[in-house]
Amino acid sequence: MKNTGLMVAVLLIGLAGGYYVSGMQQSSGSGSGAEKTSAGGNGPCPGGAQPLTWRNPMNPSITSATPAKDPMGMDYVPVCAEDAAGGGSGPAGTVIIDPTITQLIGVRLSKAEQKKLSREITTVGRITFDETKLVTLHPKVDGWVDKLFVDKTGETVKRDTMLLSFYSPELVATQNEYLLALSNWQQLKDSPYSDIRDGAKRLLDSSLDRLRFFDVAEHQIRKLQQTHKVRKSMHIHAPAAGVVTKIGVREGAHVTPASELYQIADLSSIWVLADLYEYEIGWVKVGDEAKLRIPSLPDHDFTGHITYIYPYLDPKTRTNKVRIEFDNAEGLLKPDMFGDVTIVASLSKSGVFVPRESVLITGKKAHLFVQTEPGRFEPRTVKTGVRAEGLVQIIEGVEAGELVVSSGQFLIDSESSIREAAAKMVAPKADAAKEQASAPPVRDRPANIKSKGNQKMDMQGMDMGNMKMDGMNMKGMNMEGAQ
């Protein structure tokens, strides 16, 4: 029985020692295998290198340290060091495509050009009255309208056209005062006393001025001087030529100085109010030429100039109005018409310009792709400026003469985004791999350094002298194949 216990003890010691030696060999073997792989084994990456990681083909954020399949059965894609670094050079997200493939997917290139650019702004304009040629007519005294000589809106009147006649007690009294002053002057104008003559003259002039201040027509004043008869009804004449746009009274109406009798608009020139967006305001200035086309007048082109840029925006449309003045001697342009306005901006912008479709807007940033060499496309974050004629100004990010992608950029952008995301995820793993590669192999480590796989098998200091085997049943133990 004692011999049996001794045999079991020896057997256990042998098993423990074999397991320890086997773990050391496996650690050493894996280290040498890693060196062999890194030196150029049979990995899926260029030169037979092993990938840094494996990513889900549908979701780059899902990675695996070993080859795997996604829920749909698709193989994970290896992420090589060259792919993660943008083809070995350049920023993350650089895409390398065979020139033949670029033709198949419709990639087109355009050259960034240094040029001086101006633009034409097309917008819609609304015709309105020239506000400087609008006349509103009010009486100077209280009275009653006797007769309207112009009683329809839209009628064209000339200057001094008789508009209406009305009765005013105050005008009747003023006529009497004038006739008395006139009679007094005729009697005293030959007086030998200058003071008397001057007094009579001043009274006559004062009463005449009173009639004129009340807008009594000159022909009525002359007739009053000739006939010396007071007229019941006085006339009101048009102060300017134009079109009657409003009549505020009718026959028999009582009027006061607050009553609006007529509104007359001179349409020999008109205004067009055009709306410009905020980004277009910087291109125009007062004096710029503008062209107007009216759909109902296809055979006529009208040319005018910007006379005013309003200093505020419309809060509803977020547009800025500009005022353009056009000659309308023929009377073809009518208020409240709409037309197409083309403003020829005199200002120009200098800089580097690329096609507008080349620039991709992502959030708050804009970027595009530059071909640094055939088949290699590098992403660039750019700062943009003005836009005109299908071009956009690049303030910084691209130099004149560089080739930018103007078609097919969305396909390249999707691939670039995947590569950039993969590069950000594998960067920590790549650093860890470099540290592991720089560490000494297991076989060269000191004896007292324990690997993760065998740190529990350290047998040093183990005392098995007091080990008791009493009661141990060894009949069912199978020792075949033990290593």
Protein backbone atom coordinates (compact mmCIF):
# COMPACT_ATOMS: atom_id res chain seq x y z
CA MET A 1 0.00 0.00 0.00
CA LYS A 2 2.86 2.32 0.75
CA ASN A 3 4.42 1.59 -2.61
CA THR A 4 1.11 2.36 -4.31
CA GLY A 5 0.92 5.77 -2.71
CA LEU A 6 4.45 6.57 -3.75
CA MET A 7 3.64 5.63 -7.35
CA VAL A 8 0.62 7.89 -7.40
CA ALA A 9 2.67 10.78 -6.07
CA VAL A 10 5.31 10.30 -8.74
CA LEU A 11 2.62 10.07 -11.37
CA LEU A 12 1.02 13.39 -10.33
CA ILE A 13 4.37 15.11 -10.29
CA GLY A 14 5.02 13.84 -13.81
CA LEU A 15 1.68 15.05 -15.06
CA ALA A 16 2.20 18.52 -13.59
CA GLY A 17 5.68 18.78 -15.07
CA GLY A 18 4.48 17.67 -18.49
CA TYR A 19 1.67 20.19 -18.50
CA TYR A 20 4.09 22.98 -17.57
CA VAL A 21 6.55 22.05 -20.32
CA SER A 22 3.71 21.78 -22.86
CA GLY A 23 2.47 25.31 -21.97
CA MET A 24 5.96 26.72 -22.41
CA GLN A 25 6.28 25.10 -25.84
CA GLN A 26 2.91 26.41 -26.99
CA SER A 27 3.79 29.96 -25.86
CA SER A 28 7.11 29.76 -27.63
CA GLY A 29 5.50 28.32 -30.71
CA SER A 30 2.87 31.07 -30.90
CA GLY A 31 5.53 33.75 -30.53
CA SER A 32 7.58 32.33 -33.35
CA GLY A 33 4.41 31.94 -35.45
CA ALA A 34 3.56 35.63 -34.96
CA GLU A 35 7.07 36.53 -36.04
CA LYS A 36 6.68 34.39 -39.10
CA THR A 37 3.33 35.95 -39.97
CA SER A 38 4.59 39.46 -39.53
CA ALA A 39 7.56 38.62 -41.64
CA GLY A 40 5.27 37.60 -44.48
CA GLY A 41 3.03 34.59 -44.04
CA ASN A 42 -0.19 33.60 -45.73
CA GLY A 43 -2.46 36.41 -44.41
CA PRO A 44 -5.11 38.13 -46.57
CA CYS A 45 -3.30 41.48 -46.59
CA PRO A 46 -0.66 42.53 -49.14
CA GLY A 47 2.56 40.57 -48.70
CA GLY A 48 0.74 37.85 -46.76
CA ALA A 49 0.43 40.01 -43.65
CA GLN A 50 -2.27 39.40 -41.09
CA PRO A 51 -5.02 42.04 -40.78
CA LEU A 52 -5.21 44.40 -37.87
CA THR A 53 -8.80 43.38 -37.35
CA TRP A 54 -11.87 42.11 -39.17
CA ARG A 55 -14.94 44.32 -39.69
CA ASN A 56 -18.57 43.67 -40.43
CA PRO A 57 -19.16 44.35 -44.15
CA MET A 58 -22.45 46.11 -43.38
CA ASN A 59 -21.48 47.96 -40.19
CA PRO A 60 -17.84 49.08 -39.87
CA SER A 61 -18.29 49.76 -36.15
CA ILE A 62 -18.56 46.00 -35.49
CA THR A 63 -15.15 44.32 -35.51
CA SER A 64 -13.69 40.98 -34.59
CA ALA A 65 -10.19 39.82 -33.78
CA THR A 66 -10.71 36.64 -35.83
CA PRO A 67 -12.48 35.85 -39.11
CA ALA A 68 -16.25 35.64 -38.62
CA LYS A 69 -19.58 35.91 -40.39
CA ASP A 70 -22.35 38.43 -39.89
CA PRO A 71 -25.97 37.39 -39.17
CA MET A 72 -26.62 37.22 -42.92
CA GLY A 73 -23.74 34.85 -43.52
CA MET A 74 -21.41 37.39 -45.11
CA ASP A 75 -17.71 37.08 -44.31
CA TYR A 76 -16.07 39.81 -42.28
CA VAL A 77 -13.70 42.01 -44.27
CA PRO A 78 -10.03 42.18 -43.25
CA VAL A 79 -8.73 45.61 -42.27
CA CYS A 80 -5.11 45.82 -43.29
CA ALA A 81 -2.60 48.31 -42.01
CA GLU A 82 -2.26 49.83 -45.47
CA ASP A 83 -6.03 50.37 -45.79
CA ALA A 84 -6.34 51.89 -42.33
CA ALA A 85 -3.53 54.32 -43.03
CA GLY A 86 -5.02 55.45 -46.33
CA GLY A 87 -2.94 53.34 -48.65
CA GLY A 88 0.26 53.77 -46.69
CA SER A 89 0.38 57.58 -47.04
CA GLY A 90 -1.98 60.53 -46.90
CA PRO A 91 -4.74 61.28 -44.41
CA ALA A 92 -7.23 58.75 -43.14
CA GLY A 93 -9.99 58.15 -45.65
CA THR A 94 -7.76 58.21 -48.73
CA VAL A 95 -9.23 55.93 -51.37
CA ILE A 96 -7.29 54.00 -54.00
CA ILE A 97 -9.26 52.90 -57.10
CA ASP A 98 -7.94 51.27 -60.24
CA PRO A 99 -8.13 53.79 -63.13
CA THR A 100 -10.25 51.32 -65.11
CA ILE A 101 -12.77 51.16 -62.27
CA THR A 102 -12.94 54.95 -62.05
CA GLN A 103 -14.14 55.05 -65.65
CA LEU A 104 -16.73 52.35 -65.03
CA ILE A 105 -18.26 54.13 -62.03
CA GLY A 106 -18.35 57.46 -63.86
CA VAL A 107 -15.71 59.42 -61.96
CA ARG A 108 -14.98 62.74 -63.65
CA LEU A 109 -12.31 65.24 -62.70
CA SER A 110 -12.24 69.04 -62.95
CA LYS A 111 -9.36 71.41 -62.44
CA ALA A 112 -9.48 74.04 -59.71
CA GLU A 113 -9.01 77.36 -61.51
CA GLN A 114 -7.82 80.78 -60.39
CA LYS A 115 -10.19 83.25 -62.00
CA LYS A 116 -12.19 86.45 -61.63
CA LEU A 117 -15.90 85.75 -61.56
CA SER A 118 -19.00 87.92 -61.87
CA ARG A 119 -22.60 86.86 -62.08
CA GLU A 120 -26.07 87.64 -63.31
CA ILE A 121 -28.86 87.47 -60.77
CA THR A 122 -32.27 86.41 -62.00
CA THR A 123 -35.31 87.14 -59.87
CA VAL A 124 -38.94 88.23 -60.04
CA GLY A 125 -39.93 91.88 -59.88
CA ARG A 126 -43.22 93.68 -59.25
CA ILE A 127 -44.00 96.96 -60.99
CA THR A 128 -45.22 99.78 -58.79
CA PHE A 129 -45.66 103.55 -58.93
CA ASP A 130 -42.77 105.95 -58.81
CA GLU A 131 -43.48 107.35 -55.35
CA THR A 132 -41.77 110.65 -56.19
CA LYS A 133 -44.40 111.25 -58.88
CA LEU A 134 -47.53 110.53 -56.85
CA VAL A 135 -49.76 113.56 -56.16
CA THR A 136 -52.56 113.68 -53.59
CA LEU A 137 -55.01 116.58 -53.79
CA HIS A 138 -56.79 118.15 -50.76
CA PRO A 139 -58.85 121.38 -50.56
CA LYS A 140 -57.50 124.29 -48.54
CA VAL A 141 -60.89 125.36 -47.18
CA ASP A 142 -64.20 123.84 -46.16
CA GLY A 143 -66.90 123.59 -48.82
CA TRP A 144 -69.27 121.49 -50.87
CA VAL A 145 -68.60 119.80 -54.21
CA ASP A 146 -70.76 121.21 -57.00
CA LYS A 147 -69.53 119.24 -60.00
CA LEU A 148 -66.87 116.65 -60.86
CA PHE A 149 -65.30 117.16 -64.26
CA VAL A 150 -63.12 114.04 -63.88
CA ASP A 151 -65.26 111.39 -62.26
CA LYS A 152 -63.58 108.09 -63.25
CA THR A 153 -60.34 106.49 -62.05
CA GLY A 154 -57.87 105.57 -64.75
CA GLU A 155 -58.41 108.75 -66.73
CA THR A 156 -55.34 110.53 -67.99
CA VAL A 157 -55.09 114.18 -67.12
CA LYS A 158 -52.70 116.94 -68.05
CA ARG A 159 -51.32 119.62 -65.82
CA ASP A 160 -53.96 122.28 -64.97
CA THR A 161 -56.85 120.07 -66.12
CA MET A 162 -60.06 121.18 -64.38
CA LEU A 163 -61.01 118.44 -61.91
CA LEU A 164 -64.00 119.83 -59.98
CA SER A 165 -65.80 122.96 -58.80
CA PHE A 166 -66.99 123.56 -55.26
CA TYR A 167 -68.67 126.21 -53.16
CA SER A 168 -66.92 127.64 -50.10
CA PRO A 169 -68.22 130.56 -48.00
CA GLU A 170 -64.64 131.39 -47.07
CA LEU A 171 -63.65 131.70 -50.74
CA VAL A 172 -66.63 133.96 -51.39
CA ALA A 173 -65.51 136.24 -48.53
CA THR A 174 -61.97 136.27 -49.83
CA GLN A 175 -63.18 137.31 -53.29
CA ASN A 176 -65.08 140.22 -51.75
CA GLU A 177 -61.98 141.30 -49.85
CA TYR A 178 -59.98 141.26 -53.04
CA LEU A 179 -62.56 143.28 -54.96
CA LEU A 180 -62.63 145.90 -52.19
CA ALA A 181 -58.84 146.08 -52.14
CA LEU A 182 -58.78 146.35 -55.91
CA SER A 183 -61.33 149.18 -55.92
CA ASN A 184 -59.41 151.00 -53.16
CA TRP A 185 -56.17 150.71 -55.08
CA GLN A 186 -57.72 152.08 -58.26
CA GLN A 187 -58.92 155.14 -56.32
CA LEU A 188 -55.71 155.81 -54.40
CA LYS A 189 -52.99 154.80 -56.84
CA ASP A 190 -52.71 158.40 -58.07
CA SER A 191 -52.68 159.93 -54.59
CA PRO A 192 -49.87 162.48 -53.95
CA TYR A 193 -49.20 160.80 -50.61
CA SER A 194 -46.88 157.85 -50.90
CA ASP A 195 -47.98 156.33 -47.61
CA ILE A 196 -51.56 156.15 -48.83
CA ARG A 197 -50.49 154.64 -52.16
CA ASP A 198 -48.24 152.05 -50.48
CA GLY A 199 -50.96 151.08 -47.99
CA ALA A 200 -53.50 150.52 -50.74
CA LYS A 201 -50.98 148.48 -52.71
CA ARG A 202 -50.12 146.27 -49.72
CA LEU A 203 -53.79 145.59 -49.05
CA LEU A 204 -54.35 144.61 -52.69
CA ASP A 205 -51.34 142.27 -52.74
CA SER A 206 -52.34 140.68 -49.44
CA SER A 207 -55.85 139.85 -50.63
CA LEU A 208 -54.50 138.51 -53.95
CA ASP A 209 -52.02 136.24 -52.11
CA ARG A 210 -54.87 134.93 -49.98
CA LEU A 211 -56.73 133.80 -53.11
CA ARG A 212 -53.63 132.08 -54.47
CA PHE A 213 -52.93 130.37 -51.13
CA PHE A 214 -56.41 128.86 -51.39
CA ASP A 215 -55.41 127.41 -54.82
CA VAL A 216 -57.80 129.61 -56.78
CA ALA A 217 -56.94 129.18 -60.47
CA GLU A 218 -55.19 132.07 -62.23
CA HIS A 219 -57.80 132.26 -64.96
CA GLN A 220 -60.50 132.76 -62.31
CA ILE A 221 -58.48 135.52 -60.65
CA ARG A 222 -58.10 137.28 -64.01
CA LYS A 223 -61.82 136.95 -64.65
CA LEU A 224 -62.53 138.35 -61.19
CA GLN A 225 -60.34 141.37 -61.97
CA GLN A 226 -62.10 141.91 -65.28
CA THR A 227 -65.71 141.44 -64.18
CA HIS A 228 -65.53 142.55 -60.54
CA LYS A 229 -68.14 139.87 -59.83
CA VAL A 230 -67.86 137.29 -57.04
CA ARG A 231 -68.13 133.69 -58.26
CA LYS A 232 -70.04 131.16 -56.17
CA SER A 233 -68.08 128.09 -57.28
CA MET A 234 -64.32 127.94 -57.62
CA HIS A 235 -62.35 125.37 -59.64
CA ILE A 236 -59.62 122.95 -58.55
CA HIS A 237 -57.09 121.96 -61.24
CA ALA A 238 -54.65 119.07 -61.57
CA PRO A 239 -51.25 120.06 -60.18
CA ALA A 240 -49.42 117.54 -62.41
CA ALA A 241 -49.96 115.30 -65.41
CA GLY A 242 -50.69 111.62 -64.91
CA VAL A 243 -53.36 109.01 -64.37
CA VAL A 244 -56.13 109.39 -61.81
CA THR A 245 -55.74 106.42 -59.47
CA LYS A 246 -58.21 107.47 -56.78
CA ILE A 247 -61.26 109.74 -56.40
CA GLY A 248 -62.22 110.43 -52.81
CA VAL A 249 -65.40 112.51 -53.21
CA ARG A 250 -68.58 112.71 -55.24
CA GLU A 251 -70.90 115.59 -56.22
CA GLY A 252 -72.63 117.20 -53.26
CA ALA A 253 -70.12 115.93 -50.74
CA HIS A 254 -68.98 118.18 -47.91
CA VAL A 255 -65.19 118.50 -47.95
CA THR A 256 -62.61 119.77 -45.49
CA PRO A 257 -58.85 120.18 -45.70
CA ALA A 258 -58.61 116.58 -44.42
CA SER A 259 -60.61 115.22 -47.39
CA GLU A 260 -58.62 113.47 -50.13
CA LEU A 261 -60.08 114.61 -53.43
CA TYR A 262 -57.84 112.90 -55.99
CA GLN A 263 -54.69 110.88 -56.30
CA ILE A 264 -52.75 111.25 -59.53
CA ALA A 265 -49.78 109.13 -60.59
CA ASP A 266 -47.27 110.03 -63.27
CA LEU A 267 -46.47 106.76 -65.10
CA SER A 268 -43.81 108.16 -67.41
CA SER A 269 -41.36 106.27 -65.20
CA ILE A 270 -42.05 103.35 -62.89
CA TRP A 271 -40.33 101.37 -60.16
CA VAL A 272 -39.73 97.63 -60.05
CA LEU A 273 -39.24 96.03 -56.64
CA ALA A 274 -37.14 92.86 -56.87
CA ASP A 275 -36.35 90.40 -54.07
CA LEU A 276 -32.80 89.16 -53.58
CA TYR A 277 -31.59 86.47 -51.21
CA GLU A 278 -29.02 87.32 -48.57
CA TYR A 279 -26.14 85.64 -50.41
CA GLU A 280 -26.94 87.69 -53.54
CA ILE A 281 -26.89 91.11 -51.89
CA GLY A 282 -23.09 91.19 -51.79
CA TRP A 283 -22.97 91.12 -55.60
CA VAL A 284 -25.05 94.22 -56.36
CA LYS A 285 -24.74 97.94 -55.78
CA VAL A 286 -26.60 101.11 -56.69
CA GLY A 287 -26.19 101.88 -60.38
CA ASP A 288 -26.03 98.27 -61.62
CA GLU A 289 -27.88 97.63 -64.85
CA ALA A 290 -31.04 95.52 -64.82
CA LYS A 291 -33.18 94.07 -67.60
CA LEU A 292 -36.91 93.44 -67.38
CA ARG A 293 -38.97 91.03 -69.46
CA ILE A 294 -42.75 90.85 -69.25
CA PRO A 295 -44.40 87.58 -70.40
CA SER A 296 -47.27 89.53 -72.00
CA LEU A 297 -44.79 91.74 -73.92
CA PRO A 298 -42.38 89.20 -75.45
CA ASP A 299 -41.13 91.64 -78.09
CA HIS A 300 -39.98 94.25 -75.62
CA ASP A 301 -36.93 94.34 -73.39
CA PHE A 302 -36.71 97.12 -70.83
CA THR A 303 -33.46 98.39 -69.38
CA GLY A 304 -33.12 100.22 -66.08
CA HIS A 305 -30.76 100.74 -63.15
CA ILE A 306 -30.81 100.02 -59.45
CA THR A 307 -31.56 103.24 -57.60
CA TYR A 308 -31.89 101.97 -54.03
CA ILE A 309 -31.14 98.90 -51.90
CA TYR A 310 -33.45 98.71 -48.89
CA PRO A 311 -31.61 98.52 -45.54
CA TYR A 312 -33.79 95.76 -44.09
CA LEU A 313 -35.07 92.27 -44.95
CA ASP A 314 -38.59 90.97 -45.27
CA PRO A 315 -39.06 88.85 -42.11
CA LYS A 316 -41.42 86.44 -43.89
CA THR A 317 -39.47 85.72 -47.07
CA ARG A 318 -35.97 86.50 -45.70
CA THR A 319 -35.23 88.51 -48.83
CA ASN A 320 -33.87 92.00 -49.43
CA LYS A 321 -35.73 94.35 -51.78
CA VAL A 322 -33.95 96.46 -54.36
CA ARG A 323 -35.58 99.28 -56.31
CA ILE A 324 -35.02 99.51 -60.04
CA GLU A 325 -36.21 102.47 -62.11
CA PHE A 326 -37.40 102.04 -65.72
CA ASP A 327 -38.51 104.54 -68.32
CA ASN A 328 -42.16 104.08 -69.33
CA ALA A 329 -42.73 106.77 -71.92
CA GLU A 330 -44.84 104.39 -74.04
CA GLY A 331 -47.00 103.41 -71.08
CA LEU A 332 -46.55 99.68 -71.66
CA LEU A 333 -45.56 98.94 -68.08
CA LYS A 334 -48.43 99.01 -65.63
CA PRO A 335 -48.34 98.91 -61.82
CA ASP A 336 -48.72 95.47 -60.22
CA MET A 337 -47.41 93.66 -63.29
CA PHE A 338 -44.87 90.92 -62.62
CA GLY A 339 -41.79 90.33 -64.73
CA ASP A 340 -38.46 88.52 -64.88
CA VAL A 341 -35.57 90.71 -63.75
CA THR A 342 -31.94 90.03 -64.62
CA ILE A 343 -29.38 92.11 -62.74
CA VAL A 344 -25.94 92.38 -64.32
CA ALA A 345 -23.71 92.66 -61.25
CA SER A 346 -20.78 95.03 -61.72
CA LEU A 347 -18.88 93.50 -58.79
CA SER A 348 -16.60 90.51 -59.32
CA LYS A 349 -14.81 88.06 -57.03
CA SER A 350 -11.29 86.66 -57.47
CA GLY A 351 -10.17 83.30 -56.11
CA VAL A 352 -9.91 79.56 -56.70
CA PHE A 353 -13.14 78.09 -58.07
CA VAL A 354 -14.32 74.49 -58.48
CA PRO A 355 -17.62 73.05 -59.76
CA ARG A 356 -20.40 73.38 -57.21
CA GLU A 357 -21.18 69.64 -57.34
CA SER A 358 -17.62 68.82 -56.23
CA VAL A 359 -18.26 70.16 -52.73
CA LEU A 360 -20.05 67.85 -50.30
CA ILE A 361 -21.72 69.47 -47.29
CA THR A 362 -21.71 67.27 -44.18
CA GLY A 363 -23.07 68.99 -41.13
CA LYS A 364 -21.14 72.19 -40.51
CA LYS A 365 -18.19 71.26 -42.75
CA ALA A 366 -17.63 71.04 -46.48
CA HIS A 367 -15.21 68.65 -48.13
CA LEU A 368 -14.21 67.35 -51.52
CA PHE A 369 -11.84 64.78 -53.03
CA VAL A 370 -8.56 65.66 -54.72
CA GLN A 371 -6.74 63.28 -57.03
CA THR A 372 -3.15 63.36 -55.80
CA GLU A 373 -2.03 60.74 -58.34
CA PRO A 374 -3.86 58.47 -60.79
CA GLY A 375 -6.30 56.33 -58.86
CA ARG A 376 -5.60 57.93 -55.46
CA PHE A 377 -8.27 60.27 -54.04
CA GLU A 378 -7.57 62.27 -50.91
CA PRO A 379 -10.37 63.88 -48.84
CA ARG A 380 -9.96 67.59 -48.09
CA THR A 381 -11.93 69.77 -45.70
CA VAL A 382 -12.40 73.14 -47.38
CA LYS A 383 -13.68 76.61 -46.57
CA THR A 384 -16.05 77.90 -49.22
CA GLY A 385 -16.92 81.41 -50.35
CA VAL A 386 -19.27 82.88 -52.93
CA ARG A 387 -21.17 80.85 -55.53
CA ALA A 388 -21.90 81.88 -59.09
CA GLU A 389 -22.42 80.33 -62.53
CA GLY A 390 -22.28 76.78 -61.19
CA LEU A 391 -18.96 77.37 -59.42
CA VAL A 392 -18.04 77.78 -55.77
CA GLN A 393 -15.07 79.69 -54.38
CA ILE A 394 -12.57 77.73 -52.26
CA ILE A 395 -10.98 80.05 -49.72
CA GLU A 396 -8.69 77.39 -48.28
CA GLY A 397 -8.12 73.66 -48.74
CA VAL A 398 -7.41 73.43 -52.46
CA GLU A 399 -4.80 75.11 -54.64
CA ALA A 400 -5.25 76.25 -58.24
CA GLY A 401 -4.38 73.50 -60.71
CA GLU A 402 -5.35 70.54 -58.50
CA LEU A 403 -7.80 67.99 -59.86
CA VAL A 404 -11.02 67.55 -57.89
CA VAL A 405 -13.74 64.94 -58.31
CA SER A 406 -16.85 66.48 -59.89
CA SER A 407 -18.84 63.30 -60.59
CA GLY A 408 -19.00 59.98 -58.75
CA GLN A 409 -17.87 61.65 -55.54
CA PHE A 410 -20.66 60.05 -53.51
CA LEU A 411 -19.34 56.55 -54.19
CA ILE A 412 -15.84 57.64 -53.25
CA ASP A 413 -17.16 59.43 -50.17
CA SER A 414 -18.93 56.31 -48.89
CA GLU A 415 -15.76 54.21 -49.26
CA SER A 416 -13.68 56.97 -47.69
CA SER A 417 -16.01 57.16 -44.69
CA ILE A 418 -15.71 53.40 -44.13
CA ARG A 419 -11.92 53.51 -44.34
CA GLU A 420 -11.68 56.49 -42.03
CA ALA A 421 -13.98 54.86 -39.46
CA ALA A 422 -11.95 51.66 -39.65
CA ALA A 423 -8.71 53.58 -39.23
CA LYS A 424 -9.99 55.24 -36.07
CA MET A 425 -11.09 51.90 -34.61
CA VAL A 426 -7.96 49.93 -35.40
CA ALA A 427 -5.45 52.60 -34.41
CA PRO A 428 -5.32 51.48 -30.74
CA LYS A 429 -5.07 47.85 -31.85
CA ALA A 430 -2.24 48.68 -34.23
CA ASP A 431 -0.32 50.38 -31.41
CA ALA A 432 -0.85 47.34 -29.19
CA ALA A 433 0.39 45.05 -31.96
CA LYS A 434 3.56 47.14 -32.33
CA GLU A 435 4.23 46.94 -28.58
CA GLN A 436 3.73 43.19 -28.62
CA ALA A 437 6.04 42.81 -31.62
CA SER A 438 8.77 44.82 -29.88
CA ALA A 439 8.58 42.64 -26.71
CA PRO A 440 11.21 39.81 -26.36
CA PRO A 441 10.00 36.28 -27.27
CA VAL A 442 8.92 33.96 -24.47
CA ARG A 443 11.92 31.66 -24.80
CA ASP A 444 14.26 34.59 -24.12
CA ARG A 445 12.43 35.76 -21.02
CA PRO A 446 13.88 35.14 -17.54
CA ALA A 447 12.77 31.96 -15.83
CA ASN A 448 10.88 33.78 -13.14
CA ILE A 449 8.59 35.54 -15.73
CA LYS A 450 5.38 33.61 -16.03
CA SER A 451 3.09 33.67 -19.02
CA LYS A 452 -0.62 34.12 -18.66
CA GLY A 453 -1.26 30.50 -19.56
CA ASN A 454 1.11 28.93 -17.00
CA GLN A 455 1.20 31.37 -14.10
CA LYS A 456 -0.93 28.92 -12.03
CA MET A 457 1.45 26.03 -12.74
CA ASP A 458 4.48 27.47 -10.91
CA MET A 459 5.58 24.39 -8.82
CA GLN A 460 8.51 26.09 -7.09
CA GLY A 461 8.39 25.71 -3.34
CA MET A 462 5.79 22.97 -3.46
CA ASP A 463 6.26 20.47 -0.60
CA MET A 464 4.64 17.11 -1.30
CA GLY A 465 6.22 15.30 1.61
CA ASN A 466 3.10 15.45 3.73
CA MET A 467 0.79 14.41 0.89
CA LYS A 468 -1.43 11.57 2.01
CA MET A 469 -2.86 9.11 -0.47
CA ASP A 470 -4.90 7.07 2.00
CA GLY A 471 -8.30 6.15 0.69
CA MET A 472 -7.52 7.18 -2.91
CA ASN A 473 -9.13 4.85 -5.46
CA MET A 474 -7.00 4.64 -8.63
CA LYS A 475 -8.93 1.81 -10.33
CA GLY A 476 -10.97 4.08 -12.71
CA MET A 477 -8.03 6.29 -13.73
CA ASN A 478 -7.08 6.04 -17.41
CA MET A 479 -3.53 7.34 -17.96
CA GLU A 480 -3.39 6.60 -21.72
CA GLY A 481 -2.64 9.59 -23.95
CA ALA A 482 -1.49 11.76 -21.05
CA GLN A 483 1.07 14.38 -22.05
